[in-house]
């Protein structure tokens, strides 16, 4: 889901649909540092780990909500400027 949100933001921002890891790179360059670790970890898992084998440290799990809130805020802001 985190990578899907990255793709939504990237698509709205660039007009191009890109791979999940490329979208993560685009979003990471635009996120405040405190919101990057969750997406960095999700990107790394996507590239290196089978979904069934994913494990998330509790510290990162606690950061998912604030990360999602920030990404949704940015998506809404961009959407509103395009509407």
PDB file of N, CA and C in Angstrom:
ATOM      1  N   UNK A   1       0.813  -1.173   0.000  1.00  0.00           N
ATOM      2  CA  UNK A   1       0.000   0.000   0.000  1.00  0.00           C
ATOM      3  C   UNK A   1       0.872   1.257   0.000  1.00  0.00           C
ATOM      4  N   UNK A   2       1.962   1.255   0.743  1.00  0.00           N
ATOM      5  CA  UNK A   2       2.838   2.422   0.794  1.00  0.00           C
ATOM      6  C   UNK A   2       3.412   2.756  -0.580  1.00  0.00           C
ATOM      7  N   UNK A   3       3.789   1.730  -1.305  1.00  0.00           N
ATOM      8  CA  UNK A   3       4.334   1.950  -2.641  1.00  0.00           C
ATOM      9  C   UNK A   3       3.245   2.370  -3.627  1.00  0.00           C
ATOM     10  N   UNK A   4       2.042   1.914  -3.420  1.00  0.00           N
ATOM     11  CA  UNK A   4       0.926   2.343  -4.264  1.00  0.00           C
ATOM     12  C   UNK A   4       0.641   3.827  -4.060  1.00  0.00           C
ATOM     13  N   UNK A   5       0.655   4.272  -2.811  1.00  0.00           N
ATOM     14  CA  UNK A   5       0.476   5.698  -2.550  1.00  0.00           C
ATOM     15  C   UNK A   5       1.604   6.514  -3.174  1.00  0.00           C
ATOM     16  N   UNK A   6       2.804   5.977  -3.138  1.00  0.00           N
ATOM     17  CA  UNK A   6       3.932   6.660  -3.787  1.00  0.00           C
ATOM     18  C   UNK A   6       3.677   6.779  -5.290  1.00  0.00           C
ATOM     19  N   UNK A   7       3.133   5.743  -5.877  1.00  0.00           N
ATOM     20  CA  UNK A   7       2.831   5.792  -7.314  1.00  0.00           C
ATOM     21  C   UNK A   7       1.742   6.816  -7.624  1.00  0.00           C
ATOM     22  N   UNK A   8       0.735   6.906  -6.768  1.00  0.00           N
ATOM     23  CA  UNK A   8      -0.332   7.891  -6.977  1.00  0.00           C
ATOM     24  C   UNK A   8       0.260   9.296  -6.953  1.00  0.00           C
ATOM     25  N   UNK A   9       1.053   9.597  -5.936  1.00  0.00           N
ATOM     26  CA  UNK A   9       1.646  10.922  -5.820  1.00  0.00           C
ATOM     27  C   UNK A   9       2.559  11.213  -7.019  1.00  0.00           C
ATOM     28  N   UNK A  10       3.366  10.238  -7.387  1.00  0.00           N
ATOM     29  CA  UNK A  10       4.268  10.411  -8.525  1.00  0.00           C
ATOM     30  C   UNK A  10       3.498  10.647  -9.821  1.00  0.00           C
ATOM     31  N   UNK A  11       2.455   9.890 -10.033  1.00  0.00           N
ATOM     32  CA  UNK A  11       1.660  10.036 -11.251  1.00  0.00           C
ATOM     33  C   UNK A  11       1.016  11.415 -11.321  1.00  0.00           C
ATOM     34  N   UNK A  12       0.464  11.867 -10.201  1.00  0.00           N
ATOM     35  CA  UNK A  12      -0.123  13.206 -10.186  1.00  0.00           C
ATOM     36  C   UNK A  12       0.943  14.281 -10.414  1.00  0.00           C
ATOM     37  N   UNK A  13       2.117  14.061  -9.855  1.00  0.00           N
ATOM     38  CA  UNK A  13       3.175  15.056  -9.944  1.00  0.00           C
ATOM     39  C   UNK A  13       3.909  15.099 -11.259  1.00  0.00           C
ATOM     40  N   UNK A  14       3.946  13.964 -11.953  1.00  0.00           N
ATOM     41  CA  UNK A  14       4.747  13.902 -13.185  1.00  0.00           C
ATOM     42  C   UNK A  14       3.921  13.621 -14.431  1.00  0.00           C
ATOM     43  N   UNK A  15       2.718  13.101 -14.242  1.00  0.00           N
ATOM     44  CA  UNK A  15       1.907  12.706 -15.392  1.00  0.00           C
ATOM     45  C   UNK A  15       2.348  11.388 -15.995  1.00  0.00           C
ATOM     46  N   UNK A  16       3.234  10.692 -15.307  1.00  0.00           N
ATOM     47  CA  UNK A  16       3.784   9.437 -15.801  1.00  0.00           C
ATOM     48  C   UNK A  16       3.572   8.331 -14.772  1.00  0.00           C
ATOM     49  N   UNK A  17       3.202   7.161 -15.244  1.00  0.00           N
ATOM     50  CA  UNK A  17       3.095   5.994 -14.371  1.00  0.00           C
ATOM     51  C   UNK A  17       4.436   5.281 -14.398  1.00  0.00           C
ATOM     52  N   UNK A  18       5.011   5.086 -13.216  1.00  0.00           N
ATOM     53  CA  UNK A  18       6.331   4.462 -13.116  1.00  0.00           C
ATOM     54  C   UNK A  18       6.268   3.262 -12.182  1.00  0.00           C
ATOM     55  N   UNK A  19       7.329   2.479 -12.189  1.00  0.00           N
ATOM     56  CA  UNK A  19       7.435   1.319 -11.303  1.00  0.00           C
ATOM     57  C   UNK A  19       7.421   1.767  -9.842  1.00  0.00           C
ATOM     58  N   UNK A  20       7.047   0.864  -8.969  1.00  0.00           N
ATOM     59  CA  UNK A  20       6.940   1.184  -7.551  1.00  0.00           C
ATOM     60  C   UNK A  20       8.241   1.713  -6.969  1.00  0.00           C
ATOM     61  N   UNK A  21       9.350   1.088  -7.295  1.00  0.00           N
ATOM     62  CA  UNK A  21      10.618   1.547  -6.717  1.00  0.00           C
ATOM     63  C   UNK A  21      11.008   2.924  -7.257  1.00  0.00           C
ATOM     64  N   UNK A  22      10.711   3.203  -8.506  1.00  0.00           N
ATOM     65  CA  UNK A  22      10.982   4.527  -9.070  1.00  0.00           C
ATOM     66  C   UNK A  22      10.076   5.584  -8.440  1.00  0.00           C
ATOM     67  N   UNK A  23       8.831   5.215  -8.205  1.00  0.00           N
ATOM     68  CA  UNK A  23       7.914   6.128  -7.525  1.00  0.00           C
ATOM     69  C   UNK A  23       8.409   6.420  -6.114  1.00  0.00           C
ATOM     70  N   UNK A  24       8.881   5.402  -5.435  1.00  0.00           N
ATOM     71  CA  UNK A  24       9.418   5.606  -4.082  1.00  0.00           C
ATOM     72  C   UNK A  24      10.587   6.583  -4.127  1.00  0.00           C
ATOM     73  N   UNK A  25      11.465   6.446  -5.092  1.00  0.00           N
ATOM     74  CA  UNK A  25      12.597   7.368  -5.217  1.00  0.00           C
ATOM     75  C   UNK A  25      12.114   8.804  -5.411  1.00  0.00           C
ATOM     76  N   UNK A  26      11.122   8.990  -6.277  1.00  0.00           N
ATOM     77  CA  UNK A  26      10.588  10.323  -6.534  1.00  0.00           C
ATOM     78  C   UNK A  26      10.001  10.924  -5.261  1.00  0.00           C
ATOM     79  N   UNK A  27       9.219  10.120  -4.542  1.00  0.00           N
ATOM     80  CA  UNK A  27       8.576  10.595  -3.316  1.00  0.00           C
ATOM     81  C   UNK A  27       9.612  10.854  -2.222  1.00  0.00           C
ATOM     82  N   UNK A  28      10.577   9.975  -2.084  1.00  0.00           N
ATOM     83  CA  UNK A  28      11.599  10.155  -1.046  1.00  0.00           C
ATOM     84  C   UNK A  28      12.315  11.492  -1.187  1.00  0.00           C
ATOM     85  N   UNK A  29      12.500  11.936  -2.401  1.00  0.00           N
ATOM     86  CA  UNK A  29      13.170  13.223  -2.632  1.00  0.00           C
ATOM     87  C   UNK A  29      12.296  14.400  -2.197  1.00  0.00           C
ATOM     88  N   UNK A  30      11.011  14.160  -1.964  1.00  0.00           N
ATOM     89  CA  UNK A  30      10.085  15.235  -1.622  1.00  0.00           C
ATOM     90  C   UNK A  30       9.566  15.161  -0.194  1.00  0.00           C
ATOM     91  N   UNK A  31       9.842  14.080   0.489  1.00  0.00           N
ATOM     92  CA  UNK A  31       9.367  13.908   1.857  1.00  0.00           C
ATOM     93  C   UNK A  31      10.310  14.553   2.859  1.00  0.00           C
ATOM     94  N   UNK A  32       9.747  15.040   3.942  1.00  0.00           N
ATOM     95  CA  UNK A  32      10.559  15.492   5.066  1.00  0.00           C
ATOM     96  C   UNK A  32      11.307  14.281   5.639  1.00  0.00           C
ATOM     97  N   UNK A  33      12.489  14.496   6.153  1.00  0.00           N
ATOM     98  CA  UNK A  33      13.310  13.374   6.640  1.00  0.00           C
ATOM     99  C   UNK A  33      12.595  12.436   7.621  1.00  0.00           C
ATOM    100  N   UNK A  34      11.740  12.970   8.468  1.00  0.00           N
ATOM    101  CA  UNK A  34      11.082  12.110   9.458  1.00  0.00           C
ATOM    102  C   UNK A  34      10.080  11.145   8.838  1.00  0.00           C
ATOM    103  N   UNK A  35       9.668  11.383   7.598  1.00  0.00           N
ATOM    104  CA  UNK A  35       8.706  10.498   6.941  1.00  0.00           C
ATOM    105  C   UNK A  35       9.361   9.528   5.953  1.00  0.00           C
ATOM    106  N   UNK A  36      10.657   9.596   5.792  1.00  0.00           N
ATOM    107  CA  UNK A  36      11.346   8.755   4.807  1.00  0.00           C
ATOM    108  C   UNK A  36      11.589   7.308   5.236  1.00  0.00           C
ATOM    109  N   UNK A  37      11.905   7.018   6.502  1.00  0.00           N
ATOM    110  CA  UNK A  37      12.298   5.643   6.840  1.00  0.00           C
ATOM    111  C   UNK A  37      11.280   4.572   6.454  1.00  0.00           C
ATOM    112  N   UNK A  38      10.001   4.844   6.613  1.00  0.00           N
ATOM    113  CA  UNK A  38       8.967   3.859   6.289  1.00  0.00           C
ATOM    114  C   UNK A  38       9.015   3.507   4.805  1.00  0.00           C
ATOM    115  N   UNK A  39       9.068   4.521   3.960  1.00  0.00           N
ATOM    116  CA  UNK A  39       9.079   4.273   2.515  1.00  0.00           C
ATOM    117  C   UNK A  39      10.404   3.664   2.074  1.00  0.00           C
ATOM    118  N   UNK A  40      11.497   4.076   2.666  1.00  0.00           N
ATOM    119  CA  UNK A  40      12.793   3.465   2.346  1.00  0.00           C
ATOM    120  C   UNK A  40      12.767   1.974   2.652  1.00  0.00           C
ATOM    121  N   UNK A  41      12.186   1.629   3.796  1.00  0.00           N
ATOM    122  CA  UNK A  41      12.112   0.223   4.182  1.00  0.00           C
ATOM    123  C   UNK A  41      11.182  -0.554   3.257  1.00  0.00           C
ATOM    124  N   UNK A  42      10.022   0.025   2.939  1.00  0.00           N
ATOM    125  CA  UNK A  42       9.072  -0.640   2.034  1.00  0.00           C
ATOM    126  C   UNK A  42       9.707  -0.858   0.664  1.00  0.00           C
ATOM    127  N   UNK A  43      10.441   0.128   0.178  1.00  0.00           N
ATOM    128  CA  UNK A  43      11.120   0.013  -1.118  1.00  0.00           C
ATOM    129  C   UNK A  43      12.146  -1.110  -1.075  1.00  0.00           C
ATOM    130  N   UNK A  44      12.927  -1.169  -0.020  1.00  0.00           N
ATOM    131  CA  UNK A  44      13.948  -2.215   0.114  1.00  0.00           C
ATOM    132  C   UNK A  44      13.308  -3.605   0.166  1.00  0.00           C
ATOM    133  N   UNK A  45      12.225  -3.735   0.922  1.00  0.00           N
ATOM    134  CA  UNK A  45      11.521  -5.019   0.969  1.00  0.00           C
ATOM    135  C   UNK A  45      11.002  -5.407  -0.407  1.00  0.00           C
ATOM    136  N   UNK A  46      10.428  -4.462  -1.113  1.00  0.00           N
ATOM    137  CA  UNK A  46       9.892  -4.712  -2.452  1.00  0.00           C
ATOM    138  C   UNK A  46      10.975  -5.261  -3.378  1.00  0.00           C
ATOM    139  N   UNK A  47      12.167  -4.726  -3.255  1.00  0.00           N
ATOM    140  CA  UNK A  47      13.258  -5.120  -4.146  1.00  0.00           C
ATOM    141  C   UNK A  47      13.969  -6.400  -3.718  1.00  0.00           C
ATOM    142  N   UNK A  48      13.858  -6.782  -2.449  1.00  0.00           N
ATOM    143  CA  UNK A  48      14.707  -7.875  -1.951  1.00  0.00           C
ATOM    144  C   UNK A  48      13.983  -9.024  -1.261  1.00  0.00           C
ATOM    145  N   UNK A  49      12.702  -8.871  -0.954  1.00  0.00           N
ATOM    146  CA  UNK A  49      12.046  -9.837  -0.077  1.00  0.00           C
ATOM    147  C   UNK A  49      10.696 -10.266  -0.639  1.00  0.00           C
ATOM    148  N   UNK A  50      10.409 -11.546  -0.545  1.00  0.00           N
ATOM    149  CA  UNK A  50       9.075 -12.034  -0.911  1.00  0.00           C
ATOM    150  C   UNK A  50       8.066 -11.508   0.101  1.00  0.00           C
ATOM    151  N   UNK A  51       6.875 -11.178  -0.374  1.00  0.00           N
ATOM    152  CA  UNK A  51       5.853 -10.603   0.496  1.00  0.00           C
ATOM    153  C   UNK A  51       5.620 -11.448   1.745  1.00  0.00           C
ATOM    154  N   UNK A  52       5.557 -12.741   1.588  1.00  0.00           N
ATOM    155  CA  UNK A  52       5.299 -13.639   2.720  1.00  0.00           C
ATOM    156  C   UNK A  52       6.416 -13.599   3.757  1.00  0.00           C
ATOM    157  N   UNK A  53       7.590 -13.153   3.366  1.00  0.00           N
ATOM    158  CA  UNK A  53       8.742 -13.123   4.275  1.00  0.00           C
ATOM    159  C   UNK A  53       8.988 -11.754   4.901  1.00  0.00           C
ATOM    160  N   UNK A  54       8.143 -10.784   4.589  1.00  0.00           N
ATOM    161  CA  UNK A  54       8.345  -9.442   5.129  1.00  0.00           C
ATOM    162  C   UNK A  54       8.132  -9.416   6.636  1.00  0.00           C
ATOM    163  N   UNK A  55       9.009  -8.712   7.312  1.00  0.00           N
ATOM    164  CA  UNK A  55       8.824  -8.413   8.735  1.00  0.00           C
ATOM    165  C   UNK A  55       9.168  -6.945   8.943  1.00  0.00           C
ATOM    166  N   UNK A  56       8.406  -6.309   9.789  1.00  0.00           N
ATOM    167  CA  UNK A  56       8.582  -4.888  10.068  1.00  0.00           C
ATOM    168  C   UNK A  56       8.951  -4.690  11.530  1.00  0.00           C
ATOM    169  N   UNK A  57      10.022  -3.953  11.798  1.00  0.00           N
ATOM    170  CA  UNK A  57      10.350  -3.619  13.186  1.00  0.00           C
ATOM    171  C   UNK A  57       9.247  -2.750  13.803  1.00  0.00           C
ATOM    172  N   UNK A  58       9.011  -2.908  15.082  1.00  0.00           N
ATOM    173  CA  UNK A  58       7.970  -2.137  15.766  1.00  0.00           C
ATOM    174  C   UNK A  58       8.176  -0.634  15.604  1.00  0.00           C
ATOM    175  N   UNK A  59       9.417  -0.185  15.621  1.00  0.00           N
ATOM    176  CA  UNK A  59       9.717   1.240  15.469  1.00  0.00           C
ATOM    177  C   UNK A  59       9.168   1.782  14.145  1.00  0.00           C
ATOM    178  N   UNK A  60       9.339   1.009  13.067  1.00  0.00           N
ATOM    179  CA  UNK A  60       8.827   1.448  11.769  1.00  0.00           C
ATOM    180  C   UNK A  60       7.312   1.308  11.683  1.00  0.00           C
ATOM    181  N   UNK A  61       6.764   0.260  12.276  1.00  0.00           N
ATOM    182  CA  UNK A  61       5.303   0.109  12.275  1.00  0.00           C
ATOM    183  C   UNK A  61       4.639   1.339  12.888  1.00  0.00           C
ATOM    184  N   UNK A  62       5.250   1.870  13.934  1.00  0.00           N
ATOM    185  CA  UNK A  62       4.695   3.045  14.612  1.00  0.00           C
ATOM    186  C   UNK A  62       4.747   4.291  13.733  1.00  0.00           C
ATOM    187  N   UNK A  63       5.604   4.298  12.735  1.00  0.00           N
ATOM    188  CA  UNK A  63       5.753   5.454  11.859  1.00  0.00           C
ATOM    189  C   UNK A  63       4.870   5.386  10.609  1.00  0.00           C
ATOM    190  N   UNK A  64       4.218   4.245  10.387  1.00  0.00           N
ATOM    191  CA  UNK A  64       3.416   4.084   9.172  1.00  0.00           C
ATOM    192  C   UNK A  64       2.260   5.080   9.128  1.00  0.00           C
ATOM    193  N   UNK A  65       1.519   5.213  10.208  1.00  0.00           N
ATOM    194  CA  UNK A  65       0.380   6.134  10.232  1.00  0.00           C
ATOM    195  C   UNK A  65       0.771   7.564   9.897  1.00  0.00           C
ATOM    196  N   UNK A  66       1.761   8.138  10.590  1.00  0.00           N
ATOM    197  CA  UNK A  66       2.187   9.498  10.250  1.00  0.00           C
ATOM    198  C   UNK A  66       2.698   9.627   8.814  1.00  0.00           C
ATOM    199  N   UNK A  67       3.379   8.597   8.325  1.00  0.00           N
ATOM    200  CA  UNK A  67       3.859   8.616   6.933  1.00  0.00           C
ATOM    201  C   UNK A  67       2.678   8.673   5.971  1.00  0.00           C
ATOM    202  N   UNK A  68       1.705   7.807   6.170  1.00  0.00           N
ATOM    203  CA  UNK A  68       0.530   7.767   5.295  1.00  0.00           C
ATOM    204  C   UNK A  68      -0.219   9.094   5.353  1.00  0.00           C
ATOM    205  N   UNK A  69      -0.389   9.647   6.554  1.00  0.00           N
ATOM    206  CA  UNK A  69      -1.062  10.940   6.684  1.00  0.00           C
ATOM    207  C   UNK A  69      -0.351  12.014   5.864  1.00  0.00           C
ATOM    208  N   UNK A  70       0.975  12.042   5.927  1.00  0.00           N
ATOM    209  CA  UNK A  70       1.740  13.037   5.176  1.00  0.00           C
ATOM    210  C   UNK A  70       1.606  12.830   3.674  1.00  0.00           C
ATOM    211  N   UNK A  71       1.716  11.598   3.224  1.00  0.00           N
ATOM    212  CA  UNK A  71       1.609  11.324   1.790  1.00  0.00           C
ATOM    213  C   UNK A  71       0.210  11.674   1.289  1.00  0.00           C
ATOM    214  N   UNK A  72      -0.817  11.322   2.039  1.00  0.00           N
ATOM    215  CA  UNK A  72      -2.180  11.671   1.630  1.00  0.00           C
ATOM    216  C   UNK A  72      -2.376  13.182   1.597  1.00  0.00           C
ATOM    217  N   UNK A  73      -1.790  13.890   2.532  1.00  0.00           N
ATOM    218  CA  UNK A  73      -1.858  15.349   2.524  1.00  0.00           C
ATOM    219  C   UNK A  73      -1.229  15.898   1.256  1.00  0.00           C
ATOM    220  N   UNK A  74      -0.086  15.375   0.876  1.00  0.00           N
ATOM    221  CA  UNK A  74       0.596  15.841  -0.334  1.00  0.00           C
ATOM    222  C   UNK A  74      -0.197  15.488  -1.591  1.00  0.00           C
ATOM    223  N   UNK A  75      -0.790  14.302  -1.622  1.00  0.00           N
ATOM    224  CA  UNK A  75      -1.609  13.904  -2.768  1.00  0.00           C
ATOM    225  C   UNK A  75      -2.816  14.838  -2.889  1.00  0.00           C
ATOM    226  N   UNK A  76      -3.486  15.092  -1.780  1.00  0.00           N
ATOM    227  CA  UNK A  76      -4.652  15.986  -1.809  1.00  0.00           C
ATOM    228  C   UNK A  76      -4.258  17.387  -2.261  1.00  0.00           C
ATOM    229  N   UNK A  77      -3.151  17.888  -1.730  1.00  0.00           N
ATOM    230  CA  UNK A  77      -2.683  19.224  -2.086  1.00  0.00           C
ATOM    231  C   UNK A  77      -2.410  19.307  -3.590  1.00  0.00           C
ATOM    232  N   UNK A  78      -1.730  18.314  -4.115  1.00  0.00           N
ATOM    233  CA  UNK A  78      -1.419  18.306  -5.541  1.00  0.00           C
ATOM    234  C   UNK A  78      -2.692  18.151  -6.369  1.00  0.00           C
ATOM    235  N   UNK A  79      -3.568  17.276  -5.944  1.00  0.00           N
ATOM    236  CA  UNK A  79      -4.826  17.084  -6.646  1.00  0.00           C
ATOM    237  C   UNK A  79      -5.622  18.384  -6.702  1.00  0.00           C
ATOM    238  N   UNK A  80      -5.676  19.102  -5.594  1.00  0.00           N
ATOM    239  CA  UNK A  80      -6.437  20.341  -5.550  1.00  0.00           C
ATOM    240  C   UNK A  80      -5.860  21.403  -6.477  1.00  0.00           C
ATOM    241  N   UNK A  81      -4.549  21.400  -6.654  1.00  0.00           N
ATOM    242  CA  UNK A  81      -3.946  22.372  -7.570  1.00  0.00           C
ATOM    243  C   UNK A  81      -4.210  22.021  -9.034  1.00  0.00           C
ATOM    244  N   UNK A  82      -4.432  20.729  -9.282  1.00  0.00           N
ATOM    245  CA  UNK A  82      -4.687  20.278 -10.650  1.00  0.00           C
ATOM    246  C   UNK A  82      -6.167  20.364 -11.024  1.00  0.00           C
ATOM    247  N   UNK A  83      -7.017  20.404 -10.020  1.00  0.00           N
ATOM    248  CA  UNK A  83      -8.478  20.385 -10.273  1.00  0.00           C
ATOM    249  C   UNK A  83      -8.989  21.716 -10.752  1.00  0.00           C
TER     250      UNK A  83
END
